[in-house]
Amino acid sequence: MAGQMCWLAGLGGGTKILHLREQSHQTWTPYHSFPQYRVPDLQIRGASKGWTTYQKLRNAGWSLIATADAYKPQYSQSEAINRPS
């Protein structure tokens, strides 16, 4: 399964940066903590932190989760089928 991406505020709030998780049950972690996925950021003033990594992972099949949905429970299709009502 490809992982998930979300734009969330970094430490101290403010500007959103790319956060990743490899599995839906994991916590969100800033993209720079994943050297195996990270692509160098654009050296353009005002460029989003993680934009180039986002493009790479999106092309690799990773899903983008809306910021508003970032902390809602996420279930895979098999988890949803086996989840008690």
PDB file of N, CA and C in Angstrom:
ATOM      1  N   MET A   1       0.841  -1.187   0.000  1.00  0.00           N
ATOM      2  CA  MET A   1       0.000   0.000   0.000  1.00  0.00           C
ATOM      3  C   MET A   1       0.880   1.243   0.000  1.00  0.00           C
ATOM      4  N   ALA A   2       0.531   2.195  -0.836  1.00  0.00           N
ATOM      5  CA  ALA A   2       1.217   3.480  -0.813  1.00  0.00           C
ATOM      6  C   ALA A   2       0.746   4.246   0.419  1.00  0.00           C
ATOM      7  N   GLY A   3       1.537   5.186   0.856  1.00  0.00           N
ATOM      8  CA  GLY A   3       1.224   5.924   2.065  1.00  0.00           C
ATOM      9  C   GLY A   3       0.247   7.064   1.856  1.00  0.00           C
ATOM     10  N   GLN A   4       0.175   7.903   2.888  1.00  0.00           N
ATOM     11  CA  GLN A   4      -0.723   9.048   2.878  1.00  0.00           C
ATOM     12  C   GLN A   4       0.060  10.321   3.140  1.00  0.00           C
ATOM     13  N   MET A   5      -0.434  11.422   2.568  1.00  0.00           N
ATOM     14  CA  MET A   5       0.187  12.733   2.728  1.00  0.00           C
ATOM     15  C   MET A   5      -0.868  13.719   3.193  1.00  0.00           C
ATOM     16  N   CYS A   6      -0.418  14.746   3.920  1.00  0.00           N
ATOM     17  CA  CYS A   6      -1.322  15.787   4.385  1.00  0.00           C
ATOM     18  C   CYS A   6      -0.515  17.057   4.635  1.00  0.00           C
ATOM     19  N   TRP A   7      -1.120  18.202   4.362  1.00  0.00           N
ATOM     20  CA  TRP A   7      -0.480  19.492   4.649  1.00  0.00           C
ATOM     21  C   TRP A   7      -0.953  19.948   6.020  1.00  0.00           C
ATOM     22  N   LEU A   8      -0.039  19.968   6.981  1.00  0.00           N
ATOM     23  CA  LEU A   8      -0.346  20.344   8.361  1.00  0.00           C
ATOM     24  C   LEU A   8       0.633  21.405   8.835  1.00  0.00           C
ATOM     25  N   ALA A   9       0.221  22.159   9.848  1.00  0.00           N
ATOM     26  CA  ALA A   9       1.112  23.169  10.423  1.00  0.00           C
ATOM     27  C   ALA A   9       2.327  22.489  11.037  1.00  0.00           C
ATOM     28  N   GLY A  10       3.481  23.110  10.874  1.00  0.00           N
ATOM     29  CA  GLY A  10       4.705  22.590  11.470  1.00  0.00           C
ATOM     30  C   GLY A  10       4.766  22.930  12.945  1.00  0.00           C
ATOM     31  N   LEU A  11       5.888  22.651  13.562  1.00  0.00           N
ATOM     32  CA  LEU A  11       6.069  22.979  14.975  1.00  0.00           C
ATOM     33  C   LEU A  11       5.857  24.468  15.180  1.00  0.00           C
ATOM     34  N   GLY A  12       5.098  24.823  16.189  1.00  0.00           N
ATOM     35  CA  GLY A  12       4.827  26.223  16.471  1.00  0.00           C
ATOM     36  C   GLY A  12       3.706  26.801  15.630  1.00  0.00           C
ATOM     37  N   GLY A  13       3.044  25.960  14.836  1.00  0.00           N
ATOM     38  CA  GLY A  13       1.942  26.440  14.007  1.00  0.00           C
ATOM     39  C   GLY A  13       2.436  27.201  12.798  1.00  0.00           C
ATOM     40  N   GLY A  14       1.564  28.000  12.243  1.00  0.00           N
ATOM     41  CA  GLY A  14       1.950  28.814  11.099  1.00  0.00           C
ATOM     42  C   GLY A  14       1.854  28.079   9.782  1.00  0.00           C
ATOM     43  N   THR A  15       2.886  28.219   8.969  1.00  0.00           N
ATOM     44  CA  THR A  15       2.904  27.673   7.619  1.00  0.00           C
ATOM     45  C   THR A  15       2.756  26.155   7.617  1.00  0.00           C
ATOM     46  N   LYS A  16       1.938  25.668   6.711  1.00  0.00           N
ATOM     47  CA  LYS A  16       1.755  24.222   6.589  1.00  0.00           C
ATOM     48  C   LYS A  16       2.912  23.614   5.810  1.00  0.00           C
ATOM     49  N   ILE A  17       3.318  22.434   6.258  1.00  0.00           N
ATOM     50  CA  ILE A  17       4.343  21.662   5.553  1.00  0.00           C
ATOM     51  C   ILE A  17       3.802  20.253   5.327  1.00  0.00           C
ATOM     52  N   LEU A  18       4.419  19.542   4.429  1.00  0.00           N
ATOM     53  CA  LEU A  18       3.979  18.192   4.103  1.00  0.00           C
ATOM     54  C   LEU A  18       4.274  17.238   5.260  1.00  0.00           C
ATOM     55  N   HIS A  19       3.275  16.456   5.625  1.00  0.00           N
ATOM     56  CA  HIS A  19       3.422  15.399   6.622  1.00  0.00           C
ATOM     57  C   HIS A  19       3.077  14.076   5.948  1.00  0.00           C
ATOM     58  N   LEU A  20       3.711  13.015   6.407  1.00  0.00           N
ATOM     59  CA  LEU A  20       3.538  11.695   5.811  1.00  0.00           C
ATOM     60  C   LEU A  20       3.219  10.648   6.868  1.00  0.00           C
ATOM     61  N   ARG A  21       2.617   9.581   6.414  1.00  0.00           N
ATOM     62  CA  ARG A  21       2.506   8.355   7.199  1.00  0.00           C
ATOM     63  C   ARG A  21       2.392   7.207   6.207  1.00  0.00           C
ATOM     64  N   GLU A  22       3.074   6.126   6.530  1.00  0.00           N
ATOM     65  CA  GLU A  22       3.100   4.973   5.629  1.00  0.00           C
ATOM     66  C   GLU A  22       1.855   4.112   5.761  1.00  0.00           C
ATOM     67  N   GLN A  23       1.244   4.110   6.949  1.00  0.00           N
ATOM     68  CA  GLN A  23       0.028   3.341   7.226  1.00  0.00           C
ATOM     69  C   GLN A  23      -0.989   4.266   7.887  1.00  0.00           C
ATOM     70  N   SER A  24      -2.268   4.012   7.659  1.00  0.00           N
ATOM     71  CA  SER A  24      -3.316   4.907   8.156  1.00  0.00           C
ATOM     72  C   SER A  24      -3.404   4.967   9.680  1.00  0.00           C
ATOM     73  N   HIS A  25      -2.883   3.967  10.391  1.00  0.00           N
ATOM     74  CA  HIS A  25      -2.950   3.972  11.855  1.00  0.00           C
ATOM     75  C   HIS A  25      -1.777   4.737  12.490  1.00  0.00           C
ATOM     76  N   GLN A  26      -0.800   5.131  11.694  1.00  0.00           N
ATOM     77  CA  GLN A  26       0.373   5.830  12.225  1.00  0.00           C
ATOM     78  C   GLN A  26       0.085   7.318  12.413  1.00  0.00           C
ATOM     79  N   THR A  27       0.919   7.958  13.224  1.00  0.00           N
ATOM     80  CA  THR A  27       0.790   9.400  13.417  1.00  0.00           C
ATOM     81  C   THR A  27       1.428  10.130  12.242  1.00  0.00           C
ATOM     82  N   TRP A  28       1.006  11.367  12.035  1.00  0.00           N
ATOM     83  CA  TRP A  28       1.571  12.205  10.981  1.00  0.00           C
ATOM     84  C   TRP A  28       2.953  12.670  11.405  1.00  0.00           C
ATOM     85  N   THR A  29       3.897  12.613  10.478  1.00  0.00           N
ATOM     86  CA  THR A  29       5.282  12.989  10.737  1.00  0.00           C
ATOM     87  C   THR A  29       5.752  13.903   9.615  1.00  0.00           C
ATOM     88  N   PRO A  30       6.484  14.988   9.939  1.00  0.00           N
ATOM     89  CA  PRO A  30       6.981  15.875   8.880  1.00  0.00           C
ATOM     90  C   PRO A  30       7.801  15.104   7.844  1.00  0.00           C
ATOM     91  N   TYR A  31       7.649  15.495   6.605  1.00  0.00           N
ATOM     92  CA  TYR A  31       8.281  14.789   5.480  1.00  0.00           C
ATOM     93  C   TYR A  31       9.792  14.675   5.603  1.00  0.00           C
ATOM     94  N   HIS A  32      10.440  15.654   6.223  1.00  0.00           N
ATOM     95  CA  HIS A  32      11.907  15.624   6.305  1.00  0.00           C
ATOM     96  C   HIS A  32      12.420  14.527   7.234  1.00  0.00           C
ATOM     97  N   SER A  33      11.516  13.870   7.964  1.00  0.00           N
ATOM     98  CA  SER A  33      11.901  12.735   8.812  1.00  0.00           C
ATOM     99  C   SER A  33      11.945  11.421   8.033  1.00  0.00           C
ATOM    100  N   PHE A  34      11.662  11.480   6.735  1.00  0.00           N
ATOM    101  CA  PHE A  34      11.651  10.297   5.871  1.00  0.00           C
ATOM    102  C   PHE A  34      12.683  10.475   4.757  1.00  0.00           C
ATOM    103  N   PRO A  35      13.966  10.273   5.058  1.00  0.00           N
ATOM    104  CA  PRO A  35      14.987  10.486   4.020  1.00  0.00           C
ATOM    105  C   PRO A  35      14.805   9.579   2.803  1.00  0.00           C
ATOM    106  N   GLN A  36      14.160   8.439   2.977  1.00  0.00           N
ATOM    107  CA  GLN A  36      13.954   7.525   1.856  1.00  0.00           C
ATOM    108  C   GLN A  36      12.946   8.060   0.840  1.00  0.00           C
ATOM    109  N   TYR A  37      12.132   9.050   1.225  1.00  0.00           N
ATOM    110  CA  TYR A  37      11.129   9.616   0.324  1.00  0.00           C
ATOM    111  C   TYR A  37      11.432  11.066  -0.053  1.00  0.00           C
ATOM    112  N   ARG A  38      12.170  11.741   0.768  1.00  0.00           N
ATOM    113  CA  ARG A  38      12.372  13.182   0.631  1.00  0.00           C
ATOM    114  C   ARG A  38      13.112  13.548  -0.652  1.00  0.00           C
ATOM    115  N   VAL A  39      12.640  14.630  -1.262  1.00  0.00           N
ATOM    116  CA  VAL A  39      13.281  15.242  -2.422  1.00  0.00           C
ATOM    117  C   VAL A  39      13.675  16.649  -1.980  1.00  0.00           C
ATOM    118  N   PRO A  40      14.851  17.149  -2.383  1.00  0.00           N
ATOM    119  CA  PRO A  40      15.249  18.501  -1.968  1.00  0.00           C
ATOM    120  C   PRO A  40      14.176  19.541  -2.309  1.00  0.00           C
ATOM    121  N   ASP A  41      13.965  20.462  -1.378  1.00  0.00           N
ATOM    122  CA  ASP A  41      12.980  21.525  -1.581  1.00  0.00           C
ATOM    123  C   ASP A  41      13.442  22.501  -2.651  1.00  0.00           C
ATOM    124  N   LEU A  42      12.478  23.140  -3.279  1.00  0.00           N
ATOM    125  CA  LEU A  42      12.779  24.198  -4.238  1.00  0.00           C
ATOM    126  C   LEU A  42      13.424  25.367  -3.508  1.00  0.00           C
ATOM    127  N   GLN A  43      14.411  25.958  -4.111  1.00  0.00           N
ATOM    128  CA  GLN A  43      15.080  27.111  -3.508  1.00  0.00           C
ATOM    129  C   GLN A  43      14.462  28.396  -4.057  1.00  0.00           C
ATOM    130  N   ILE A  44      13.151  28.482  -3.936  1.00  0.00           N
ATOM    131  CA  ILE A  44      12.389  29.635  -4.400  1.00  0.00           C
ATOM    132  C   ILE A  44      11.688  30.233  -3.192  1.00  0.00           C
ATOM    133  N   ARG A  45      11.822  31.524  -3.021  1.00  0.00           N
ATOM    134  CA  ARG A  45      11.183  32.194  -1.890  1.00  0.00           C
ATOM    135  C   ARG A  45       9.674  31.955  -1.927  1.00  0.00           C
ATOM    136  N   GLY A  46       9.139  31.521  -0.803  1.00  0.00           N
ATOM    137  CA  GLY A  46       7.709  31.277  -0.683  1.00  0.00           C
ATOM    138  C   GLY A  46       7.254  29.898  -1.142  1.00  0.00           C
ATOM    139  N   ALA A  47       8.170  29.079  -1.635  1.00  0.00           N
ATOM    140  CA  ALA A  47       7.791  27.726  -2.076  1.00  0.00           C
ATOM    141  C   ALA A  47       7.373  26.884  -0.869  1.00  0.00           C
ATOM    142  N   SER A  48       6.376  26.059  -1.052  1.00  0.00           N
ATOM    143  CA  SER A  48       5.890  25.195   0.024  1.00  0.00           C
ATOM    144  C   SER A  48       6.938  24.160   0.397  1.00  0.00           C
ATOM    145  N   LYS A  49       7.126  23.983   1.697  1.00  0.00           N
ATOM    146  CA  LYS A  49       8.071  22.982   2.194  1.00  0.00           C
ATOM    147  C   LYS A  49       7.483  21.594   1.987  1.00  0.00           C
ATOM    148  N   GLY A  50       8.142  20.827   1.141  1.00  0.00           N
ATOM    149  CA  GLY A  50       7.686  19.484   0.848  1.00  0.00           C
ATOM    150  C   GLY A  50       7.014  19.343  -0.510  1.00  0.00           C
ATOM    151  N   TRP A  51       6.903  20.439  -1.258  1.00  0.00           N
ATOM    152  CA  TRP A  51       6.196  20.390  -2.540  1.00  0.00           C
ATOM    153  C   TRP A  51       6.808  19.370  -3.500  1.00  0.00           C
ATOM    154  N   THR A  52       8.125  19.358  -3.629  1.00  0.00           N
ATOM    155  CA  THR A  52       8.759  18.416  -4.559  1.00  0.00           C
ATOM    156  C   THR A  52       8.604  16.973  -4.076  1.00  0.00           C
ATOM    157  N   THR A  53       8.634  16.769  -2.770  1.00  0.00           N
ATOM    158  CA  THR A  53       8.391  15.430  -2.221  1.00  0.00           C
ATOM    159  C   THR A  53       6.949  15.017  -2.488  1.00  0.00           C
ATOM    160  N   TYR A  54       6.021  15.943  -2.308  1.00  0.00           N
ATOM    161  CA  TYR A  54       4.605  15.678  -2.602  1.00  0.00           C
ATOM    162  C   TYR A  54       4.432  15.206  -4.047  1.00  0.00           C
ATOM    163  N   GLN A  55       5.046  15.906  -4.991  1.00  0.00           N
ATOM    164  CA  GLN A  55       4.910  15.544  -6.405  1.00  0.00           C
ATOM    165  C   GLN A  55       5.433  14.133  -6.671  1.00  0.00           C
ATOM    166  N   LYS A  56       6.582  13.812  -6.090  1.00  0.00           N
ATOM    167  CA  LYS A  56       7.173  12.480  -6.275  1.00  0.00           C
ATOM    168  C   LYS A  56       6.249  11.394  -5.724  1.00  0.00           C
ATOM    169  N   LEU A  57       5.759  11.593  -4.500  1.00  0.00           N
ATOM    170  CA  LEU A  57       4.936  10.571  -3.859  1.00  0.00           C
ATOM    171  C   LEU A  57       3.559  10.459  -4.509  1.00  0.00           C
ATOM    172  N   ARG A  58       3.012  11.571  -4.965  1.00  0.00           N
ATOM    173  CA  ARG A  58       1.717  11.540  -5.664  1.00  0.00           C
ATOM    174  C   ARG A  58       1.838  10.684  -6.932  1.00  0.00           C
ATOM    175  N   ASN A  59       2.930  10.867  -7.647  1.00  0.00           N
ATOM    176  CA  ASN A  59       3.167  10.065  -8.853  1.00  0.00           C
ATOM    177  C   ASN A  59       3.400   8.594  -8.522  1.00  0.00           C
ATOM    178  N   ALA A  60       3.837   8.316  -7.298  1.00  0.00           N
ATOM    179  CA  ALA A  60       4.082   6.935  -6.862  1.00  0.00           C
ATOM    180  C   ALA A  60       2.825   6.285  -6.272  1.00  0.00           C
ATOM    181  N   GLY A  61       1.699   7.013  -6.283  1.00  0.00           N
ATOM    182  CA  GLY A  61       0.444   6.435  -5.820  1.00  0.00           C
ATOM    183  C   GLY A  61       0.041   6.749  -4.399  1.00  0.00           C
ATOM    184  N   TRP A  62       0.770   7.651  -3.725  1.00  0.00           N
ATOM    185  CA  TRP A  62       0.381   8.032  -2.373  1.00  0.00           C
ATOM    186  C   TRP A  62      -0.904   8.855  -2.429  1.00  0.00           C
ATOM    187  N   SER A  63      -1.690   8.794  -1.354  1.00  0.00           N
ATOM    188  CA  SER A  63      -2.960   9.517  -1.267  1.00  0.00           C
ATOM    189  C   SER A  63      -2.788  10.822  -0.512  1.00  0.00           C
ATOM    190  N   LEU A  64      -3.526  11.839  -0.949  1.00  0.00           N
ATOM    191  CA  LEU A  64      -3.561  13.110  -0.235  1.00  0.00           C
ATOM    192  C   LEU A  64      -4.802  13.126   0.638  1.00  0.00           C
ATOM    193  N   ILE A  65      -4.613  13.361   1.926  1.00  0.00           N
ATOM    194  CA  ILE A  65      -5.705  13.459   2.887  1.00  0.00           C
ATOM    195  C   ILE A  65      -5.943  14.941   3.168  1.00  0.00           C
ATOM    196  N   ALA A  66      -7.191  15.371   3.124  1.00  0.00           N
ATOM    197  CA  ALA A  66      -7.518  16.769   3.406  1.00  0.00           C
ATOM    198  C   ALA A  66      -7.105  17.120   4.831  1.00  0.00           C
ATOM    199  N   THR A  67      -6.624  18.328   5.017  1.00  0.00           N
ATOM    200  CA  THR A  67      -6.201  18.776   6.344  1.00  0.00           C
ATOM    201  C   THR A  67      -7.320  18.586   7.364  1.00  0.00           C
ATOM    202  N   ALA A  68      -8.552  18.898   6.977  1.00  0.00           N
ATOM    203  CA  ALA A  68      -9.694  18.770   7.887  1.00  0.00           C
ATOM    204  C   ALA A  68      -9.946  17.322   8.303  1.00  0.00           C
ATOM    205  N   ASP A  69      -9.487  16.371   7.500  1.00  0.00           N
ATOM    206  CA  ASP A  69      -9.704  14.951   7.791  1.00  0.00           C
ATOM    207  C   ASP A  69      -8.490  14.263   8.409  1.00  0.00           C
ATOM    208  N   ALA A  70      -7.437  15.003   8.649  1.00  0.00           N
ATOM    209  CA  ALA A  70      -6.161  14.417   9.069  1.00  0.00           C
ATOM    210  C   ALA A  70      -6.245  13.614  10.360  1.00  0.00           C
ATOM    211  N   TYR A  71      -7.096  14.006  11.271  1.00  0.00           N
ATOM    212  CA  TYR A  71      -7.138  13.323  12.560  1.00  0.00           C
ATOM    213  C   TYR A  71      -8.408  12.508  12.762  1.00  0.00           C
ATOM    214  N   LYS A  72      -9.173  12.334  11.687  1.00  0.00           N
ATOM    215  CA  LYS A  72     -10.327  11.441  11.747  1.00  0.00           C
ATOM    216  C   LYS A  72      -9.817  10.018  11.581  1.00  0.00           C
ATOM    217  N   PRO A  73     -10.494   9.042  12.179  1.00  0.00           N
ATOM    218  CA  PRO A  73     -10.053   7.650  11.996  1.00  0.00           C
ATOM    219  C   PRO A  73     -10.064   7.278  10.518  1.00  0.00           C
ATOM    220  N   GLN A  74      -9.006   6.621  10.085  1.00  0.00           N
ATOM    221  CA  GLN A  74      -8.884   6.165   8.700  1.00  0.00           C
ATOM    222  C   GLN A  74      -8.905   4.646   8.709  1.00  0.00           C
ATOM    223  N   TYR A  75      -9.694   4.072   7.855  1.00  0.00           N
ATOM    224  CA  TYR A  75      -9.767   2.616   7.773  1.00  0.00           C
ATOM    225  C   TYR A  75      -9.518   2.184   6.341  1.00  0.00           C
ATOM    226  N   SER A  76      -8.752   1.127   6.193  1.00  0.00           N
ATOM    227  CA  SER A  76      -8.605   0.528   4.869  1.00  0.00           C
ATOM    228  C   SER A  76      -9.904  -0.214   4.575  1.00  0.00           C
ATOM    229  N   GLN A  77     -10.091  -0.629   3.338  1.00  0.00           N
ATOM    230  CA  GLN A  77     -11.311  -1.335   2.978  1.00  0.00           C
ATOM    231  C   GLN A  77     -11.459  -2.614   3.794  1.00  0.00           C
ATOM    232  N   SER A  78     -10.384  -3.373   3.987  1.00  0.00           N
ATOM    233  CA  SER A  78     -10.472  -4.619   4.752  1.00  0.00           C
ATOM    234  C   SER A  78     -10.744  -4.346   6.229  1.00  0.00           C
ATOM    235  N   GLU A  79     -10.178  -3.262   6.771  1.00  0.00           N
ATOM    236  CA  GLU A  79     -10.447  -2.907   8.167  1.00  0.00           C
ATOM    237  C   GLU A  79     -11.911  -2.520   8.340  1.00  0.00           C
ATOM    238  N   ALA A  80     -12.465  -1.789   7.383  1.00  0.00           N
ATOM    239  CA  ALA A  80     -13.853  -1.345   7.472  1.00  0.00           C
ATOM    240  C   ALA A  80     -14.808  -2.536   7.423  1.00  0.00           C
ATOM    241  N   ILE A  81     -14.492  -3.532   6.611  1.00  0.00           N
ATOM    242  CA  ILE A  81     -15.342  -4.720   6.499  1.00  0.00           C
ATOM    243  C   ILE A  81     -15.321  -5.519   7.797  1.00  0.00           C
ATOM    244  N   ASN A  82     -14.159  -5.628   8.431  1.00  0.00           N
ATOM    245  CA  ASN A  82     -14.010  -6.430   9.643  1.00  0.00           C
ATOM    246  C   ASN A  82     -14.256  -5.654  10.930  1.00  0.00           C
ATOM    247  N   ARG A  83     -14.554  -4.375  10.814  1.00  0.00           N
ATOM    248  CA  ARG A  83     -14.749  -3.524  11.986  1.00  0.00           C
ATOM    249  C   ARG A  83     -16.120  -3.787  12.599  1.00  0.00           C
ATOM    250  N   PRO A  84     -16.181  -3.988  13.933  1.00  0.00           N
ATOM    251  CA  PRO A  84     -17.484  -4.212  14.568  1.00  0.00           C
ATOM    252  C   PRO A  84     -18.358  -2.966  14.465  1.00  0.00           C
ATOM    253  N   SER A  85     -19.646  -3.164  14.337  1.00  0.00           N
ATOM    254  CA  SER A  85     -20.598  -2.046  14.208  1.00  0.00           C
ATOM    255  C   SER A  85     -20.917  -1.432  15.541  1.00  0.00           C
TER     256      SER A  85
END
